[in-house]
Amino acid sequence: MDSASEIDASEIDRLWSTFKESGDNQDRDALIIWYSPLVKFVAGRLMANLPSSVEQADVLSYGIFGLIEAIERFEPPRGIRFENYAMSRIRGAMFDELRRVDWVPRALRHKMRLIHGAISALESTLHRSPADNELAAELEWTESQLNTALTEISQVRMAALDDSGSLADMIVDGQPTAMSPFELAETRQVLASEVAHLPEREKTVLALYYYEGMTLLEIGRVLDVSESRASQIHTKALLHLRARLGDSP
């Protein structure tokens, strides 16, 4: 088969059944073709937040390997939608390879760890999320230096902050995940609780970005700040959540 259009949707169940019974490569290839748009979708979201030095063709190839692994490991009788399972595997394969080639500059990764550590330290003493001036003072930076670092981090946010267990995807109802319904509900409950402790502006940005689907430019207009500042607030909110959840960059 040369294209997904040659596969009738009604044939998918049969393909899954025969592939799992016989391991036939032709059935596997047909499934790869049918589900290949998932790779393009995940890559499209990821590329928007990666440096221009990262080639889309490379990211797509990483994702194909993730799709193949997902097809080979998926067990249809478990009742989990393959699309959800596969998108998590595809994204994970992309991140694994990006980490392997270490595309995030070492200096930027160091800044992320410094900010993360400062947030954790301040929250343990203040018992609340620190303000920008408090965070800058803890880091012994100026607020301008902090904002510059947040802008740099925001440019690589998807891979550097959200990683293969995507924090951002867990925030949004209905986003792809390989978690069980119970695990997903529990995780979202924990996240909702932690988001409630964020400063109001950070909560607003997360709500508008993930629940309302607004762009950072649109959010900036709502908050009467620049797109760059909205991006900084968004990045700081995610770093706050990671610190509160005990996760590190």
C-alpha atoms as a PDB file:
ATOM      1  CA  MET A   1       0.000   0.000   0.000  1.00  0.00           C
ATOM      2  CA  ASP A   2       1.422   3.388  -0.985  1.00  0.00           C
ATOM      3  CA  SER A   3      -0.713   5.819   0.974  1.00  0.00           C
ATOM      4  CA  ALA A   4      -3.013   6.036   3.937  1.00  0.00           C
ATOM      5  CA  SER A   5      -5.914   6.828   1.577  1.00  0.00           C
ATOM      6  CA  GLU A   6      -5.698   3.259   0.243  1.00  0.00           C
ATOM      7  CA  ILE A   7      -6.537   1.875   3.674  1.00  0.00           C
ATOM      8  CA  ASP A   8     -10.206   1.891   4.565  1.00  0.00           C
ATOM      9  CA  ALA A   9     -10.859   2.824   8.195  1.00  0.00           C
ATOM     10  CA  SER A  10     -12.932  -0.342   8.597  1.00  0.00           C
ATOM     11  CA  GLU A  11      -9.810  -2.376   7.854  1.00  0.00           C
ATOM     12  CA  ILE A  12      -7.844  -1.058  10.827  1.00  0.00           C
ATOM     13  CA  ASP A  13      -9.297  -3.490  13.353  1.00  0.00           C
ATOM     14  CA  ARG A  14      -8.539  -6.371  11.009  1.00  0.00           C
ATOM     15  CA  LEU A  15      -4.977  -5.124  10.471  1.00  0.00           C
ATOM     16  CA  TRP A  16      -4.411  -4.918  14.222  1.00  0.00           C
ATOM     17  CA  SER A  17      -5.789  -8.404  14.719  1.00  0.00           C
ATOM     18  CA  THR A  18      -3.761 -10.040  11.969  1.00  0.00           C
ATOM     19  CA  PHE A  19      -0.573  -8.159  12.841  1.00  0.00           C
ATOM     20  CA  LYS A  20      -0.760  -9.145  16.511  1.00  0.00           C
ATOM     21  CA  GLU A  21      -1.449 -12.755  15.562  1.00  0.00           C
ATOM     22  CA  SER A  22       1.184 -13.195  12.861  1.00  0.00           C
ATOM     23  CA  GLY A  23       3.585 -10.236  13.165  1.00  0.00           C
ATOM     24  CA  ASP A  24       3.307  -9.816   9.403  1.00  0.00           C
ATOM     25  CA  ASN A  25       5.472  -6.937   8.172  1.00  0.00           C
ATOM     26  CA  GLN A  26       2.970  -5.969   5.485  1.00  0.00           C
ATOM     27  CA  ASP A  27       0.255  -5.449   8.108  1.00  0.00           C
ATOM     28  CA  ARG A  28       2.694  -3.496  10.254  1.00  0.00           C
ATOM     29  CA  ASP A  29       3.652  -1.278   7.297  1.00  0.00           C
ATOM     30  CA  ALA A  30      -0.021  -0.623   6.574  1.00  0.00           C
ATOM     31  CA  LEU A  31      -0.543   0.471  10.178  1.00  0.00           C
ATOM     32  CA  ILE A  32       2.521   2.731   9.995  1.00  0.00           C
ATOM     33  CA  ILE A  33       1.121   4.398   6.884  1.00  0.00           C
ATOM     34  CA  TRP A  34      -2.322   4.826   8.439  1.00  0.00           C
ATOM     35  CA  TYR A  35      -1.014   6.389  11.639  1.00  0.00           C
ATOM     36  CA  SER A  36       1.864   8.391  10.110  1.00  0.00           C
ATOM     37  CA  PRO A  37      -0.095  11.693  10.327  1.00  0.00           C
ATOM     38  CA  LEU A  38       0.361  11.444  14.114  1.00  0.00           C
ATOM     39  CA  VAL A  39       4.115  11.863  13.601  1.00  0.00           C
ATOM     40  CA  LYS A  40       3.588  14.999  11.509  1.00  0.00           C
ATOM     41  CA  PHE A  41       1.195  16.411  14.109  1.00  0.00           C
ATOM     42  CA  VAL A  42       3.572  15.878  17.045  1.00  0.00           C
ATOM     43  CA  ALA A  43       6.550  17.145  15.038  1.00  0.00           C
ATOM     44  CA  GLY A  44       4.635  20.262  14.009  1.00  0.00           C
ATOM     45  CA  ARG A  45       3.925  21.186  17.624  1.00  0.00           C
ATOM     46  CA  LEU A  46       7.479  20.466  18.658  1.00  0.00           C
ATOM     47  CA  MET A  47       9.206  22.329  15.817  1.00  0.00           C
ATOM     48  CA  ALA A  48       7.468  25.569  16.769  1.00  0.00           C
ATOM     49  CA  ASN A  49       9.599  25.638  19.920  1.00  0.00           C
ATOM     50  CA  LEU A  50      12.926  24.354  18.621  1.00  0.00           C
ATOM     51  CA  PRO A  51      15.880  26.343  17.290  1.00  0.00           C
ATOM     52  CA  SER A  52      16.130  26.729  13.523  1.00  0.00           C
ATOM     53  CA  SER A  53      19.266  24.580  13.614  1.00  0.00           C
ATOM     54  CA  VAL A  54      17.097  21.508  14.267  1.00  0.00           C
ATOM     55  CA  GLU A  55      15.970  19.928  10.988  1.00  0.00           C
ATOM     56  CA  GLN A  56      12.308  18.951  10.716  1.00  0.00           C
ATOM     57  CA  ALA A  57      13.241  15.876   8.653  1.00  0.00           C
ATOM     58  CA  ASP A  58      15.375  14.637  11.556  1.00  0.00           C
ATOM     59  CA  VAL A  59      12.567  15.151  14.071  1.00  0.00           C
ATOM     60  CA  LEU A  60      10.137  13.311  11.778  1.00  0.00           C
ATOM     61  CA  SER A  61      12.527  10.381  11.460  1.00  0.00           C
ATOM     62  CA  TYR A  62      12.860  10.188  15.259  1.00  0.00           C
ATOM     63  CA  GLY A  63       9.074  10.142  15.500  1.00  0.00           C
ATOM     64  CA  ILE A  64       8.700   7.334  12.957  1.00  0.00           C
ATOM     65  CA  PHE A  65      10.846   5.105  15.140  1.00  0.00           C
ATOM     66  CA  GLY A  66       8.569   5.977  18.055  1.00  0.00           C
ATOM     67  CA  LEU A  67       5.501   5.110  15.985  1.00  0.00           C
ATOM     68  CA  ILE A  68       6.970   1.761  14.953  1.00  0.00           C
ATOM     69  CA  GLU A  69       7.775   0.937  18.572  1.00  0.00           C
ATOM     70  CA  ALA A  70       4.251   1.955  19.614  1.00  0.00           C
ATOM     71  CA  ILE A  71       2.673  -0.306  16.974  1.00  0.00           C
ATOM     72  CA  GLU A  72       4.840  -3.245  17.980  1.00  0.00           C
ATOM     73  CA  ARG A  73       4.178  -2.830  21.721  1.00  0.00           C
ATOM     74  CA  PHE A  74       0.521  -1.793  21.693  1.00  0.00           C
ATOM     75  CA  GLU A  75      -1.996  -4.296  23.047  1.00  0.00           C
ATOM     76  CA  PRO A  76      -5.466  -3.464  21.617  1.00  0.00           C
ATOM     77  CA  PRO A  77      -7.535  -5.444  24.173  1.00  0.00           C
ATOM     78  CA  ARG A  78      -6.450  -3.121  27.009  1.00  0.00           C
ATOM     79  CA  GLY A  79      -8.969  -0.489  25.936  1.00  0.00           C
ATOM     80  CA  ILE A  80      -6.529   2.423  25.554  1.00  0.00           C
ATOM     81  CA  ARG A  81      -6.875   4.416  22.333  1.00  0.00           C
ATOM     82  CA  PHE A  82      -3.842   3.766  20.148  1.00  0.00           C
ATOM     83  CA  GLU A  83      -3.623   7.435  19.145  1.00  0.00           C
ATOM     84  CA  ASN A  84      -3.113   8.470  22.780  1.00  0.00           C
ATOM     85  CA  TYR A  85      -0.547   5.755  23.424  1.00  0.00           C
ATOM     86  CA  ALA A  86       1.305   6.399  20.157  1.00  0.00           C
ATOM     87  CA  MET A  87       1.558  10.172  20.513  1.00  0.00           C
ATOM     88  CA  SER A  88       3.215   9.770  23.880  1.00  0.00           C
ATOM     89  CA  ARG A  89       5.684   7.249  22.401  1.00  0.00           C
ATOM     90  CA  ILE A  90       6.333   9.414  19.336  1.00  0.00           C
ATOM     91  CA  ARG A  91       6.994  12.495  21.424  1.00  0.00           C
ATOM     92  CA  GLY A  92       9.183  10.469  23.772  1.00  0.00           C
ATOM     93  CA  ALA A  93      11.267   9.147  20.876  1.00  0.00           C
ATOM     94  CA  MET A  94      11.752  12.677  19.562  1.00  0.00           C
ATOM     95  CA  PHE A  95      12.840  13.981  22.959  1.00  0.00           C
ATOM     96  CA  ASP A  96      15.136  11.008  23.591  1.00  0.00           C
ATOM     97  CA  GLU A  97      17.026  11.653  20.382  1.00  0.00           C
ATOM     98  CA  LEU A  98      17.119  15.422  20.908  1.00  0.00           C
ATOM     99  CA  ARG A  99      18.584  14.837  24.348  1.00  0.00           C
ATOM    100  CA  ARG A 100      21.098  12.394  22.870  1.00  0.00           C
ATOM    101  CA  VAL A 101      22.402  15.018  20.461  1.00  0.00           C
ATOM    102  CA  ASP A 102      22.245  17.562  23.336  1.00  0.00           C
ATOM    103  CA  TRP A 103      20.873  20.407  21.221  1.00  0.00           C
ATOM    104  CA  VAL A 104      20.083  22.608  24.236  1.00  0.00           C
ATOM    105  CA  PRO A 105      23.130  24.827  24.912  1.00  0.00           C
ATOM    106  CA  ARG A 106      24.923  23.826  28.098  1.00  0.00           C
ATOM    107  CA  ALA A 107      24.911  27.406  29.410  1.00  0.00           C
ATOM    108  CA  LEU A 108      21.130  27.609  28.996  1.00  0.00           C
ATOM    109  CA  ARG A 109      20.613  24.292  30.737  1.00  0.00           C
ATOM    110  CA  HIS A 110      22.744  25.643  33.598  1.00  0.00           C
ATOM    111  CA  LYS A 111      20.537  28.759  33.858  1.00  0.00           C
ATOM    112  CA  MET A 112      17.434  26.589  33.978  1.00  0.00           C
ATOM    113  CA  ARG A 113      18.869  24.574  36.858  1.00  0.00           C
ATOM    114  CA  LEU A 114      19.831  27.755  38.723  1.00  0.00           C
ATOM    115  CA  ILE A 115      16.325  29.213  38.378  1.00  0.00           C
ATOM    116  CA  HIS A 116      14.728  25.913  39.323  1.00  0.00           C
ATOM    117  CA  GLY A 117      16.920  25.643  42.415  1.00  0.00           C
ATOM    118  CA  ALA A 118      16.244  29.235  43.428  1.00  0.00           C
ATOM    119  CA  ILE A 119      12.480  28.765  43.098  1.00  0.00           C
ATOM    120  CA  SER A 120      12.614  25.594  45.219  1.00  0.00           C
ATOM    121  CA  ALA A 121      14.717  27.298  47.898  1.00  0.00           C
ATOM    122  CA  LEU A 122      12.498  30.368  48.094  1.00  0.00           C
ATOM    123  CA  GLU A 123       9.265  28.397  48.173  1.00  0.00           C
ATOM    124  CA  SER A 124      10.559  26.351  51.091  1.00  0.00           C
ATOM    125  CA  THR A 125      11.251  29.508  53.094  1.00  0.00           C
ATOM    126  CA  LEU A 126       8.494  31.846  51.855  1.00  0.00           C
ATOM    127  CA  HIS A 127       5.807  29.141  51.594  1.00  0.00           C
ATOM    128  CA  ARG A 128       4.604  30.776  48.382  1.00  0.00           C
ATOM    129  CA  SER A 129       5.801  31.405  44.843  1.00  0.00           C
ATOM    130  CA  PRO A 130       8.511  34.087  44.792  1.00  0.00           C
ATOM    131  CA  ALA A 131       8.052  37.371  42.990  1.00  0.00           C
ATOM    132  CA  ASP A 132      10.430  38.274  40.183  1.00  0.00           C
ATOM    133  CA  ASN A 133      12.461  40.644  42.355  1.00  0.00           C
ATOM    134  CA  GLU A 134      12.815  37.984  45.068  1.00  0.00           C
ATOM    135  CA  LEU A 135      13.877  35.364  42.544  1.00  0.00           C
ATOM    136  CA  ALA A 136      16.404  37.713  40.954  1.00  0.00           C
ATOM    137  CA  ALA A 137      17.839  38.579  44.374  1.00  0.00           C
ATOM    138  CA  GLU A 138      18.184  34.902  45.277  1.00  0.00           C
ATOM    139  CA  LEU A 139      20.067  34.325  42.036  1.00  0.00           C
ATOM    140  CA  GLU A 140      22.119  37.486  42.547  1.00  0.00           C
ATOM    141  CA  TRP A 141      20.905  38.698  39.164  1.00  0.00           C
ATOM    142  CA  THR A 142      19.135  41.851  38.109  1.00  0.00           C
ATOM    143  CA  GLU A 143      15.500  41.500  37.078  1.00  0.00           C
ATOM    144  CA  SER A 144      16.626  42.277  33.537  1.00  0.00           C
ATOM    145  CA  GLN A 145      19.034  39.325  33.627  1.00  0.00           C
ATOM    146  CA  LEU A 146      16.261  37.086  34.946  1.00  0.00           C
ATOM    147  CA  ASN A 147      13.886  38.174  32.181  1.00  0.00           C
ATOM    148  CA  THR A 148      16.547  37.603  29.543  1.00  0.00           C
ATOM    149  CA  ALA A 149      17.137  34.084  30.860  1.00  0.00           C
ATOM    150  CA  LEU A 150      13.383  33.359  30.880  1.00  0.00           C
ATOM    151  CA  THR A 151      13.135  34.557  27.271  1.00  0.00           C
ATOM    152  CA  GLU A 152      16.000  32.262  26.229  1.00  0.00           C
ATOM    153  CA  ILE A 153      14.420  29.322  28.033  1.00  0.00           C
ATOM    154  CA  SER A 154      11.006  30.007  26.495  1.00  0.00           C
ATOM    155  CA  GLN A 155      12.506  29.547  23.044  1.00  0.00           C
ATOM    156  CA  VAL A 156      13.259  25.921  23.849  1.00  0.00           C
ATOM    157  CA  ARG A 157      10.338  25.423  26.223  1.00  0.00           C
ATOM    158  CA  MET A 158       8.794  22.282  24.760  1.00  0.00           C
ATOM    159  CA  ALA A 159      11.798  20.033  25.079  1.00  0.00           C
ATOM    160  CA  ALA A 160      13.669  21.778  27.846  1.00  0.00           C
ATOM    161  CA  LEU A 161      10.747  22.236  30.230  1.00  0.00           C
ATOM    162  CA  ASP A 162       8.041  19.825  29.208  1.00  0.00           C
ATOM    163  CA  ASP A 163      10.227  16.776  28.428  1.00  0.00           C
ATOM    164  CA  SER A 164       8.761  13.446  27.339  1.00  0.00           C
ATOM    165  CA  GLY A 165       6.386  13.314  30.293  1.00  0.00           C
ATOM    166  CA  SER A 166       5.042  16.636  29.046  1.00  0.00           C
ATOM    167  CA  LEU A 167       3.966  18.815  31.928  1.00  0.00           C
ATOM    168  CA  ALA A 168       2.098  21.091  29.559  1.00  0.00           C
ATOM    169  CA  ASP A 169       0.175  18.184  28.018  1.00  0.00           C
ATOM    170  CA  MET A 170      -0.911  17.012  31.465  1.00  0.00           C
ATOM    171  CA  ILE A 171      -2.350  20.455  32.195  1.00  0.00           C
ATOM    172  CA  VAL A 172      -4.779  20.283  29.311  1.00  0.00           C
ATOM    173  CA  ASP A 173      -7.785  18.001  29.375  1.00  0.00           C
ATOM    174  CA  GLY A 174      -7.810  15.636  26.433  1.00  0.00           C
ATOM    175  CA  GLN A 175      -4.156  15.907  25.504  1.00  0.00           C
ATOM    176  CA  PRO A 176      -2.286  12.736  24.484  1.00  0.00           C
ATOM    177  CA  THR A 177      -0.934  10.566  27.270  1.00  0.00           C
ATOM    178  CA  ALA A 178      -0.175   6.907  27.921  1.00  0.00           C
ATOM    179  CA  MET A 179      -1.455   7.175  31.509  1.00  0.00           C
ATOM    180  CA  SER A 180      -4.400   5.142  32.695  1.00  0.00           C
ATOM    181  CA  PRO A 181      -7.621   7.109  33.299  1.00  0.00           C
ATOM    182  CA  PHE A 182      -7.040   6.869  37.073  1.00  0.00           C
ATOM    183  CA  GLU A 183      -3.421   8.058  36.830  1.00  0.00           C
ATOM    184  CA  LEU A 184      -4.445  10.866  34.489  1.00  0.00           C
ATOM    185  CA  ALA A 185      -7.228  12.061  36.793  1.00  0.00           C
ATOM    186  CA  GLU A 186      -4.922  11.926  39.806  1.00  0.00           C
ATOM    187  CA  THR A 187      -2.150  13.807  37.987  1.00  0.00           C
ATOM    188  CA  ARG A 188      -4.513  16.542  36.825  1.00  0.00           C
ATOM    189  CA  GLN A 189      -5.879  16.879  40.361  1.00  0.00           C
ATOM    190  CA  VAL A 190      -2.356  17.382  41.693  1.00  0.00           C
ATOM    191  CA  LEU A 191      -1.586  19.887  38.933  1.00  0.00           C
ATOM    192  CA  ALA A 192      -4.796  21.811  39.548  1.00  0.00           C
ATOM    193  CA  SER A 193      -3.895  22.046  43.222  1.00  0.00           C
ATOM    194  CA  GLU A 194      -0.395  23.302  42.452  1.00  0.00           C
ATOM    195  CA  VAL A 195      -1.591  25.779  39.801  1.00  0.00           C
ATOM    196  CA  ALA A 196      -3.913  27.257  42.439  1.00  0.00           C
ATOM    197  CA  HIS A 197      -0.846  28.299  44.449  1.00  0.00           C
ATOM    198  CA  LEU A 198       0.754  30.222  41.582  1.00  0.00           C
ATOM    199  CA  PRO A 199       0.657  34.033  41.402  1.00  0.00           C
ATOM    200  CA  GLU A 200      -2.516  35.320  39.736  1.00  0.00           C
ATOM    201  CA  ARG A 201      -0.790  36.497  36.573  1.00  0.00           C
ATOM    202  CA  GLU A 202       0.878  33.103  36.053  1.00  0.00           C
ATOM    203  CA  LYS A 203      -2.438  31.298  36.620  1.00  0.00           C
ATOM    204  CA  THR A 204      -4.088  33.595  34.083  1.00  0.00           C
ATOM    205  CA  VAL A 205      -1.433  32.932  31.451  1.00  0.00           C
ATOM    206  CA  LEU A 206      -1.709  29.152  31.903  1.00  0.00           C
ATOM    207  CA  ALA A 207      -5.496  29.288  31.713  1.00  0.00           C
ATOM    208  CA  LEU A 208      -5.532  31.444  28.579  1.00  0.00           C
ATOM    209  CA  TYR A 209      -2.766  29.480  26.859  1.00  0.00           C
ATOM    210  CA  TYR A 210      -3.795  25.894  27.630  1.00  0.00           C
ATOM    211  CA  TYR A 211      -7.550  26.089  28.179  1.00  0.00           C
ATOM    212  CA  GLU A 212      -8.568  28.989  25.927  1.00  0.00           C
ATOM    213  CA  GLY A 213      -6.004  28.231  23.207  1.00  0.00           C
ATOM    214  CA  MET A 214      -4.817  31.822  22.972  1.00  0.00           C
ATOM    215  CA  THR A 215      -1.408  32.701  21.561  1.00  0.00           C
ATOM    216  CA  LEU A 216       1.189  34.492  23.651  1.00  0.00           C
ATOM    217  CA  LEU A 217       0.645  37.579  21.509  1.00  0.00           C
ATOM    218  CA  GLU A 218      -3.083  37.533  22.317  1.00  0.00           C
ATOM    219  CA  ILE A 219      -2.381  36.910  26.002  1.00  0.00           C
ATOM    220  CA  GLY A 220       0.001  39.863  26.025  1.00  0.00           C
ATOM    221  CA  ARG A 221      -2.780  42.080  24.725  1.00  0.00           C
ATOM    222  CA  VAL A 222      -5.170  40.836  27.428  1.00  0.00           C
ATOM    223  CA  LEU A 223      -2.598  41.519  30.159  1.00  0.00           C
ATOM    224  CA  ASP A 224      -1.376  44.726  28.500  1.00  0.00           C
ATOM    225  CA  VAL A 225       2.183  43.411  28.223  1.00  0.00           C
ATOM    226  CA  SER A 226       4.399  42.493  25.281  1.00  0.00           C
ATOM    227  CA  GLU A 227       4.375  39.037  23.692  1.00  0.00           C
ATOM    228  CA  SER A 228       7.898  38.559  25.050  1.00  0.00           C
ATOM    229  CA  ARG A 229       6.748  39.334  28.594  1.00  0.00           C
ATOM    230  CA  ALA A 230       3.798  36.944  28.254  1.00  0.00           C
ATOM    231  CA  SER A 231       6.267  34.261  27.175  1.00  0.00           C
ATOM    232  CA  GLN A 232       8.461  34.984  30.201  1.00  0.00           C
ATOM    233  CA  ILE A 233       5.479  34.677  32.546  1.00  0.00           C
ATOM    234  CA  HIS A 234       4.471  31.398  30.920  1.00  0.00           C
ATOM    235  CA  THR A 235       7.980  29.985  31.259  1.00  0.00           C
ATOM    236  CA  LYS A 236       8.245  31.085  34.888  1.00  0.00           C
ATOM    237  CA  ALA A 237       4.878  29.445  35.619  1.00  0.00           C
ATOM    238  CA  LEU A 238       6.070  26.124  34.205  1.00  0.00           C
ATOM    239  CA  LEU A 239       9.318  26.349  36.162  1.00  0.00           C
ATOM    240  CA  HIS A 240       7.306  27.073  39.299  1.00  0.00           C
ATOM    241  CA  LEU A 241       5.155  23.990  38.668  1.00  0.00           C
ATOM    242  CA  ARG A 242       8.172  21.781  38.104  1.00  0.00           C
ATOM    243  CA  ALA A 243       9.721  23.031  41.325  1.00  0.00           C
ATOM    244  CA  ARG A 244       6.497  22.449  43.263  1.00  0.00           C
ATOM    245  CA  LEU A 245       6.178  18.942  41.812  1.00  0.00           C
ATOM    246  CA  GLY A 246       9.780  18.113  42.717  1.00  0.00           C
ATOM    247  CA  ASP A 247      10.804  17.709  39.064  1.00  0.00           C
ATOM    248  CA  SER A 248      14.040  19.152  37.710  1.00  0.00           C
ATOM    249  CA  PRO A 249      15.031  20.368  34.226  1.00  0.00           C
END
